[in-house]
Amino acid sequence: MPDKPLWLLRLPEAIRQLESSVDPWVDRAKLESLLGIGRRRAQQLLAPVATRVVGTSRVALASDVIAHVKQIAAGEEAHYD
């Protein structure tokens, strides 16, 4: 069975920070910082839940991001070769 990505180890702290944030919106850069991931992976995680465009960036509500990454973490999508 393939290993799970390292960002899953950072997920509980990232969720705490998102839940306590005053800003309800999450962009790619914030997701990169919270999970310690690269630009492309952040865009991949954000794309299904992004609901707004601010300038050239897509953003999503923190609650939607939290639900989405929890779903990924619980399923087979979290594995990689």
PDB file of N, CA and C in Angstrom:
ATOM      1  N   MET A   1       0.852  -1.175   0.000  1.00  0.00           N
ATOM      2  CA  MET A   1       0.000   0.000   0.000  1.00  0.00           C
ATOM      3  C   MET A   1       0.896   1.236   0.000  1.00  0.00           C
ATOM      4  N   PRO A   2       0.576   2.223  -0.837  1.00  0.00           N
ATOM      5  CA  PRO A   2       1.402   3.434  -0.882  1.00  0.00           C
ATOM      6  C   PRO A   2       1.305   4.240   0.409  1.00  0.00           C
ATOM      7  N   ASP A   3       2.319   5.031   0.623  1.00  0.00           N
ATOM      8  CA  ASP A   3       2.340   5.899   1.794  1.00  0.00           C
ATOM      9  C   ASP A   3       1.370   7.053   1.619  1.00  0.00           C
ATOM     10  N   LYS A   4       0.978   7.639   2.750  1.00  0.00           N
ATOM     11  CA  LYS A   4       0.161   8.845   2.705  1.00  0.00           C
ATOM     12  C   LYS A   4       1.103  10.042   2.649  1.00  0.00           C
ATOM     13  N   PRO A   5       0.672  11.130   2.017  1.00  0.00           N
ATOM     14  CA  PRO A   5       1.531  12.310   1.902  1.00  0.00           C
ATOM     15  C   PRO A   5       1.792  12.969   3.256  1.00  0.00           C
ATOM     16  N   LEU A   6       2.905  13.657   3.345  1.00  0.00           N
ATOM     17  CA  LEU A   6       3.311  14.300   4.594  1.00  0.00           C
ATOM     18  C   LEU A   6       2.360  15.393   5.050  1.00  0.00           C
ATOM     19  N   TRP A   7       1.643  16.020   4.127  1.00  0.00           N
ATOM     20  CA  TRP A   7       0.742  17.096   4.534  1.00  0.00           C
ATOM     21  C   TRP A   7      -0.361  16.601   5.460  1.00  0.00           C
ATOM     22  N   LEU A   8      -0.654  15.308   5.434  1.00  0.00           N
ATOM     23  CA  LEU A   8      -1.676  14.771   6.333  1.00  0.00           C
ATOM     24  C   LEU A   8      -1.259  14.888   7.799  1.00  0.00           C
ATOM     25  N   LEU A   9       0.050  14.856   8.035  1.00  0.00           N
ATOM     26  CA  LEU A   9       0.536  15.025   9.405  1.00  0.00           C
ATOM     27  C   LEU A   9       0.289  16.434   9.917  1.00  0.00           C
ATOM     28  N   ARG A  10       0.253  17.393   9.005  1.00  0.00           N
ATOM     29  CA  ARG A  10       0.037  18.798   9.371  1.00  0.00           C
ATOM     30  C   ARG A  10      -1.445  19.165   9.414  1.00  0.00           C
ATOM     31  N   LEU A  11      -2.294  18.267   8.983  1.00  0.00           N
ATOM     32  CA  LEU A  11      -3.714  18.566   8.848  1.00  0.00           C
ATOM     33  C   LEU A  11      -4.399  18.999  10.150  1.00  0.00           C
ATOM     34  N   PRO A  12      -4.221  18.315  11.271  1.00  0.00           N
ATOM     35  CA  PRO A  12      -4.907  18.762  12.489  1.00  0.00           C
ATOM     36  C   PRO A  12      -4.578  20.212  12.882  1.00  0.00           C
ATOM     37  N   GLU A  13      -3.316  20.588  12.806  1.00  0.00           N
ATOM     38  CA  GLU A  13      -2.932  21.962  13.142  1.00  0.00           C
ATOM     39  C   GLU A  13      -3.468  22.942  12.105  1.00  0.00           C
ATOM     40  N   ALA A  14      -3.436  22.568  10.853  1.00  0.00           N
ATOM     41  CA  ALA A  14      -3.968  23.432   9.790  1.00  0.00           C
ATOM     42  C   ALA A  14      -5.460  23.672  10.000  1.00  0.00           C
ATOM     43  N   ILE A  15      -6.186  22.641  10.363  1.00  0.00           N
ATOM     44  CA  ILE A  15      -7.624  22.775  10.612  1.00  0.00           C
ATOM     45  C   ILE A  15      -7.868  23.703  11.797  1.00  0.00           C
ATOM     46  N   ARG A  16      -7.094  23.550  12.857  1.00  0.00           N
ATOM     47  CA  ARG A  16      -7.236  24.449  14.013  1.00  0.00           C
ATOM     48  C   ARG A  16      -7.019  25.901  13.605  1.00  0.00           C
ATOM     49  N   GLN A  17      -5.996  26.140  12.798  1.00  0.00           N
ATOM     50  CA  GLN A  17      -5.706  27.508  12.365  1.00  0.00           C
ATOM     51  C   GLN A  17      -6.813  28.056  11.470  1.00  0.00           C
ATOM     52  N   LEU A  18      -7.332  27.238  10.587  1.00  0.00           N
ATOM     53  CA  LEU A  18      -8.419  27.690   9.724  1.00  0.00           C
ATOM     54  C   LEU A  18      -9.678  27.994  10.530  1.00  0.00           C
ATOM     55  N   GLU A  19      -9.967  27.156  11.499  1.00  0.00           N
ATOM     56  CA  GLU A  19     -11.163  27.358  12.323  1.00  0.00           C
ATOM     57  C   GLU A  19     -11.063  28.605  13.195  1.00  0.00           C
ATOM     58  N   SER A  20      -9.849  28.952  13.604  1.00  0.00           N
ATOM     59  CA  SER A  20      -9.688  30.118  14.482  1.00  0.00           C
ATOM     60  C   SER A  20      -9.393  31.406  13.719  1.00  0.00           C
ATOM     61  N   SER A  21      -9.256  31.318  12.411  1.00  0.00           N
ATOM     62  CA  SER A  21      -8.940  32.488  11.594  1.00  0.00           C
ATOM     63  C   SER A  21     -10.140  33.422  11.483  1.00  0.00           C
ATOM     64  N   VAL A  22      -9.861  34.712  11.503  1.00  0.00           N
ATOM     65  CA  VAL A  22     -10.898  35.724  11.321  1.00  0.00           C
ATOM     66  C   VAL A  22     -11.348  35.760   9.862  1.00  0.00           C
ATOM     67  N   ASP A  23     -10.427  35.513   8.956  1.00  0.00           N
ATOM     68  CA  ASP A  23     -10.718  35.525   7.518  1.00  0.00           C
ATOM     69  C   ASP A  23     -11.341  34.189   7.113  1.00  0.00           C
ATOM     70  N   PRO A  24     -12.573  34.192   6.604  1.00  0.00           N
ATOM     71  CA  PRO A  24     -13.224  32.926   6.240  1.00  0.00           C
ATOM     72  C   PRO A  24     -12.751  32.351   4.907  1.00  0.00           C
ATOM     73  N   TRP A  25     -11.901  33.089   4.166  1.00  0.00           N
ATOM     74  CA  TRP A  25     -11.479  32.658   2.843  1.00  0.00           C
ATOM     75  C   TRP A  25     -10.070  32.085   2.855  1.00  0.00           C
ATOM     76  N   VAL A  26      -9.860  31.073   2.034  1.00  0.00           N
ATOM     77  CA  VAL A  26      -8.559  30.411   1.915  1.00  0.00           C
ATOM     78  C   VAL A  26      -8.124  30.486   0.456  1.00  0.00           C
ATOM     79  N   ASP A  27      -6.905  30.941   0.246  1.00  0.00           N
ATOM     80  CA  ASP A  27      -6.358  30.960  -1.104  1.00  0.00           C
ATOM     81  C   ASP A  27      -5.221  29.945  -1.204  1.00  0.00           C
ATOM     82  N   ARG A  28      -4.668  29.830  -2.386  1.00  0.00           N
ATOM     83  CA  ARG A  28      -3.603  28.855  -2.627  1.00  0.00           C
ATOM     84  C   ARG A  28      -2.414  29.072  -1.714  1.00  0.00           C
ATOM     85  N   ALA A  29      -1.984  30.314  -1.569  1.00  0.00           N
ATOM     86  CA  ALA A  29      -0.805  30.619  -0.758  1.00  0.00           C
ATOM     87  C   ALA A  29      -1.017  30.238   0.712  1.00  0.00           C
ATOM     88  N   LYS A  30      -2.209  30.487   1.215  1.00  0.00           N
ATOM     89  CA  LYS A  30      -2.503  30.138   2.613  1.00  0.00           C
ATOM     90  C   LYS A  30      -2.483  28.616   2.791  1.00  0.00           C
ATOM     91  N   LEU A  31      -3.037  27.909   1.829  1.00  0.00           N
ATOM     92  CA  LEU A  31      -3.044  26.450   1.908  1.00  0.00           C
ATOM     93  C   LEU A  31      -1.627  25.887   1.818  1.00  0.00           C
ATOM     94  N   GLU A  32      -0.819  26.473   0.953  1.00  0.00           N
ATOM     95  CA  GLU A  32       0.591  26.070   0.858  1.00  0.00           C
ATOM     96  C   GLU A  32       1.271  26.203   2.208  1.00  0.00           C
ATOM     97  N   SER A  33       1.087  27.351   2.831  1.00  0.00           N
ATOM     98  CA  SER A  33       1.729  27.645   4.107  1.00  0.00           C
ATOM     99  C   SER A  33       1.248  26.711   5.221  1.00  0.00           C
ATOM    100  N   LEU A  34      -0.054  26.522   5.304  1.00  0.00           N
ATOM    101  CA  LEU A  34      -0.619  25.693   6.373  1.00  0.00           C
ATOM    102  C   LEU A  34      -0.223  24.225   6.277  1.00  0.00           C
ATOM    103  N   LEU A  35      -0.199  23.697   5.058  1.00  0.00           N
ATOM    104  CA  LEU A  35       0.062  22.272   4.882  1.00  0.00           C
ATOM    105  C   LEU A  35       1.495  21.952   4.469  1.00  0.00           C
ATOM    106  N   GLY A  36       2.275  22.987   4.178  1.00  0.00           N
ATOM    107  CA  GLY A  36       3.657  22.752   3.763  1.00  0.00           C
ATOM    108  C   GLY A  36       3.731  22.041   2.425  1.00  0.00           C
ATOM    109  N   ILE A  37       2.857  22.437   1.508  1.00  0.00           N
ATOM    110  CA  ILE A  37       2.798  21.801   0.193  1.00  0.00           C
ATOM    111  C   ILE A  37       3.188  22.801  -0.890  1.00  0.00           C
ATOM    112  N   GLY A  38       3.369  22.307  -2.077  1.00  0.00           N
ATOM    113  CA  GLY A  38       3.737  23.160  -3.199  1.00  0.00           C
ATOM    114  C   GLY A  38       2.525  23.798  -3.853  1.00  0.00           C
ATOM    115  N   ARG A  39       2.818  24.695  -4.761  1.00  0.00           N
ATOM    116  CA  ARG A  39       1.800  25.466  -5.469  1.00  0.00           C
ATOM    117  C   ARG A  39       0.787  24.554  -6.191  1.00  0.00           C
ATOM    118  N   ARG A  40       1.303  23.604  -6.933  1.00  0.00           N
ATOM    119  CA  ARG A  40       0.424  22.739  -7.722  1.00  0.00           C
ATOM    120  C   ARG A  40      -0.510  21.913  -6.845  1.00  0.00           C
ATOM    121  N   ARG A  41       0.018  21.322  -5.794  1.00  0.00           N
ATOM    122  CA  ARG A  41      -0.825  20.508  -4.899  1.00  0.00           C
ATOM    123  C   ARG A  41      -1.866  21.379  -4.209  1.00  0.00           C
ATOM    124  N   ALA A  42      -1.486  22.589  -3.816  1.00  0.00           N
ATOM    125  CA  ALA A  42      -2.443  23.503  -3.189  1.00  0.00           C
ATOM    126  C   ALA A  42      -3.574  23.830  -4.159  1.00  0.00           C
ATOM    127  N   GLN A  43      -3.236  24.066  -5.415  1.00  0.00           N
ATOM    128  CA  GLN A  43      -4.254  24.347  -6.423  1.00  0.00           C
ATOM    129  C   GLN A  43      -5.171  23.146  -6.625  1.00  0.00           C
ATOM    130  N   GLN A  44      -4.593  21.945  -6.612  1.00  0.00           N
ATOM    131  CA  GLN A  44      -5.390  20.727  -6.778  1.00  0.00           C
ATOM    132  C   GLN A  44      -6.368  20.544  -5.621  1.00  0.00           C
ATOM    133  N   LEU A  45      -5.919  20.816  -4.410  1.00  0.00           N
ATOM    134  CA  LEU A  45      -6.782  20.663  -3.238  1.00  0.00           C
ATOM    135  C   LEU A  45      -7.871  21.732  -3.204  1.00  0.00           C
ATOM    136  N   LEU A  46      -7.553  22.913  -3.653  1.00  0.00           N
ATOM    137  CA  LEU A  46      -8.474  24.046  -3.591  1.00  0.00           C
ATOM    138  C   LEU A  46      -9.514  24.037  -4.715  1.00  0.00           C
ATOM    139  N   ALA A  47      -9.130  23.541  -5.881  1.00  0.00           N
ATOM    140  CA  ALA A  47      -9.982  23.637  -7.076  1.00  0.00           C
ATOM    141  C   ALA A  47     -11.422  23.136  -6.886  1.00  0.00           C
ATOM    142  N   PRO A  48     -11.657  21.981  -6.286  1.00  0.00           N
ATOM    143  CA  PRO A  48     -13.038  21.488  -6.187  1.00  0.00           C
ATOM    144  C   PRO A  48     -13.949  22.318  -5.286  1.00  0.00           C
ATOM    145  N   VAL A  49     -13.377  23.104  -4.389  1.00  0.00           N
ATOM    146  CA  VAL A  49     -14.201  23.858  -3.435  1.00  0.00           C
ATOM    147  C   VAL A  49     -14.116  25.369  -3.617  1.00  0.00           C
ATOM    148  N   ALA A  50     -13.284  25.831  -4.537  1.00  0.00           N
ATOM    149  CA  ALA A  50     -13.147  27.270  -4.762  1.00  0.00           C
ATOM    150  C   ALA A  50     -14.440  27.823  -5.346  1.00  0.00           C
ATOM    151  N   THR A  51     -14.925  28.909  -4.758  1.00  0.00           N
ATOM    152  CA  THR A  51     -16.205  29.477  -5.181  1.00  0.00           C
ATOM    153  C   THR A  51     -16.111  30.935  -5.611  1.00  0.00           C
ATOM    154  N   ARG A  52     -14.953  31.559  -5.411  1.00  0.00           N
ATOM    155  CA  ARG A  52     -14.788  32.968  -5.768  1.00  0.00           C
ATOM    156  C   ARG A  52     -13.465  33.176  -6.475  1.00  0.00           C
ATOM    157  N   VAL A  53     -13.440  34.222  -7.261  1.00  0.00           N
ATOM    158  CA  VAL A  53     -12.200  34.646  -7.891  1.00  0.00           C
ATOM    159  C   VAL A  53     -11.888  36.045  -7.380  1.00  0.00           C
ATOM    160  N   VAL A  54     -10.687  36.198  -6.830  1.00  0.00           N
ATOM    161  CA  VAL A  54     -10.225  37.490  -6.341  1.00  0.00           C
ATOM    162  C   VAL A  54      -8.965  37.819  -7.126  1.00  0.00           C
ATOM    163  N   GLY A  55      -9.077  38.795  -8.016  1.00  0.00           N
ATOM    164  CA  GLY A  55      -7.964  39.070  -8.923  1.00  0.00           C
ATOM    165  C   GLY A  55      -7.791  37.878  -9.840  1.00  0.00           C
ATOM    166  N   THR A  56      -6.641  37.268  -9.786  1.00  0.00           N
ATOM    167  CA  THR A  56      -6.398  36.066 -10.586  1.00  0.00           C
ATOM    168  C   THR A  56      -6.410  34.804  -9.732  1.00  0.00           C
ATOM    169  N   SER A  57      -6.736  34.947  -8.451  1.00  0.00           N
ATOM    170  CA  SER A  57      -6.722  33.813  -7.528  1.00  0.00           C
ATOM    171  C   SER A  57      -8.126  33.295  -7.258  1.00  0.00           C
ATOM    172  N   ARG A  58      -8.210  31.995  -7.107  1.00  0.00           N
ATOM    173  CA  ARG A  58      -9.465  31.376  -6.679  1.00  0.00           C
ATOM    174  C   ARG A  58      -9.387  31.150  -5.184  1.00  0.00           C
ATOM    175  N   VAL A  59     -10.495  31.389  -4.503  1.00  0.00           N
ATOM    176  CA  VAL A  59     -10.547  31.219  -3.053  1.00  0.00           C
ATOM    177  C   VAL A  59     -11.760  30.380  -2.677  1.00  0.00           C
ATOM    178  N   ALA A  60     -11.687  29.785  -1.490  1.00  0.00           N
ATOM    179  CA  ALA A  60     -12.776  28.952  -0.987  1.00  0.00           C
ATOM    180  C   ALA A  60     -13.008  29.269   0.479  1.00  0.00           C
ATOM    181  N   LEU A  61     -14.202  29.003   0.931  1.00  0.00           N
ATOM    182  CA  LEU A  61     -14.491  29.163   2.350  1.00  0.00           C
ATOM    183  C   LEU A  61     -13.693  28.139   3.155  1.00  0.00           C
ATOM    184  N   ALA A  62     -13.190  28.572   4.281  1.00  0.00           N
ATOM    185  CA  ALA A  62     -12.386  27.687   5.131  1.00  0.00           C
ATOM    186  C   ALA A  62     -13.166  26.429   5.501  1.00  0.00           C
ATOM    187  N   SER A  63     -14.445  26.568   5.802  1.00  0.00           N
ATOM    188  CA  SER A  63     -15.251  25.397   6.176  1.00  0.00           C
ATOM    189  C   SER A  63     -15.318  24.376   5.045  1.00  0.00           C
ATOM    190  N   ASP A  64     -15.391  24.855   3.804  1.00  0.00           N
ATOM    191  CA  ASP A  64     -15.409  23.945   2.651  1.00  0.00           C
ATOM    192  C   ASP A  64     -14.055  23.255   2.460  1.00  0.00           C
ATOM    193  N   VAL A  65     -12.984  24.010   2.660  1.00  0.00           N
ATOM    194  CA  VAL A  65     -11.632  23.445   2.547  1.00  0.00           C
ATOM    195  C   VAL A  65     -11.432  22.371   3.612  1.00  0.00           C
ATOM    196  N   ILE A  66     -11.840  22.667   4.835  1.00  0.00           N
ATOM    197  CA  ILE A  66     -11.697  21.701   5.932  1.00  0.00           C
ATOM    198  C   ILE A  66     -12.439  20.408   5.605  1.00  0.00           C
ATOM    199  N   ALA A  67     -13.678  20.515   5.191  1.00  0.00           N
ATOM    200  CA  ALA A  67     -14.467  19.326   4.858  1.00  0.00           C
ATOM    201  C   ALA A  67     -13.824  18.540   3.715  1.00  0.00           C
ATOM    202  N   HIS A  68     -13.322  19.249   2.720  1.00  0.00           N
ATOM    203  CA  HIS A  68     -12.717  18.597   1.558  1.00  0.00           C
ATOM    204  C   HIS A  68     -11.433  17.843   1.929  1.00  0.00           C
ATOM    205  N   VAL A  69     -10.541  18.479   2.669  1.00  0.00           N
ATOM    206  CA  VAL A  69      -9.286  17.793   3.006  1.00  0.00           C
ATOM    207  C   VAL A  69      -9.518  16.649   3.996  1.00  0.00           C
ATOM    208  N   LYS A  70     -10.525  16.787   4.856  1.00  0.00           N
ATOM    209  CA  LYS A  70     -10.865  15.672   5.751  1.00  0.00           C
ATOM    210  C   LYS A  70     -11.357  14.471   4.940  1.00  0.00           C
ATOM    211  N   GLN A  71     -12.167  14.738   3.921  1.00  0.00           N
ATOM    212  CA  GLN A  71     -12.675  13.669   3.066  1.00  0.00           C
ATOM    213  C   GLN A  71     -11.525  12.990   2.323  1.00  0.00           C
ATOM    214  N   ILE A  72     -10.603  13.783   1.815  1.00  0.00           N
ATOM    215  CA  ILE A  72      -9.444  13.219   1.120  1.00  0.00           C
ATOM    216  C   ILE A  72      -8.606  12.387   2.082  1.00  0.00           C
ATOM    217  N   ALA A  73      -8.371  12.912   3.280  1.00  0.00           N
ATOM    218  CA  ALA A  73      -7.547  12.214   4.264  1.00  0.00           C
ATOM    219  C   ALA A  73      -8.155  10.873   4.664  1.00  0.00           C
ATOM    220  N   ALA A  74      -9.466  10.789   4.658  1.00  0.00           N
ATOM    221  CA  ALA A  74     -10.142   9.563   5.074  1.00  0.00           C
ATOM    222  C   ALA A  74     -10.213   8.517   3.967  1.00  0.00           C
ATOM    223  N   GLY A  75      -9.973   8.926   2.726  1.00  0.00           N
ATOM    224  CA  GLY A  75     -10.149   8.003   1.608  1.00  0.00           C
ATOM    225  C   GLY A  75      -8.862   7.599   0.938  1.00  0.00           C
ATOM    226  N   GLU A  76      -9.024   6.853  -0.114  1.00  0.00           N
ATOM    227  CA  GLU A  76      -7.897   6.353  -0.887  1.00  0.00           C
ATOM    228  C   GLU A  76      -7.169   7.455  -1.660  1.00  0.00           C
ATOM    229  N   GLU A  77      -7.842   8.591  -1.898  1.00  0.00           N
ATOM    230  CA  GLU A  77      -7.212   9.681  -2.632  1.00  0.00           C
ATOM    231  C   GLU A  77      -5.953  10.188  -1.941  1.00  0.00           C
ATOM    232  N   ALA A  78      -5.858   9.972  -0.646  1.00  0.00           N
ATOM    233  CA  ALA A  78      -4.722  10.483   0.116  1.00  0.00           C
ATOM    234  C   ALA A  78      -3.450   9.690  -0.148  1.00  0.00           C
ATOM    235  N   HIS A  79      -3.567   8.537  -0.724  1.00  0.00           N
ATOM    236  CA  HIS A  79      -2.381   7.714  -0.998  1.00  0.00           C
ATOM    237  C   HIS A  79      -1.732   8.143  -2.304  1.00  0.00           C
ATOM    238  N   TYR A  80      -0.466   7.963  -2.363  1.00  0.00           N
ATOM    239  CA  TYR A  80       0.255   8.242  -3.596  1.00  0.00           C
ATOM    240  C   TYR A  80       1.383   7.244  -3.751  1.00  0.00           C
ATOM    241  N   ASP A  81       1.851   7.080  -4.956  1.00  0.00           N
ATOM    242  CA  ASP A  81       2.955   6.129  -5.224  1.00  0.00           C
ATOM    243  C   ASP A  81       4.283   6.771  -5.046  1.00  0.00           C
TER     244      ASP A  81
END
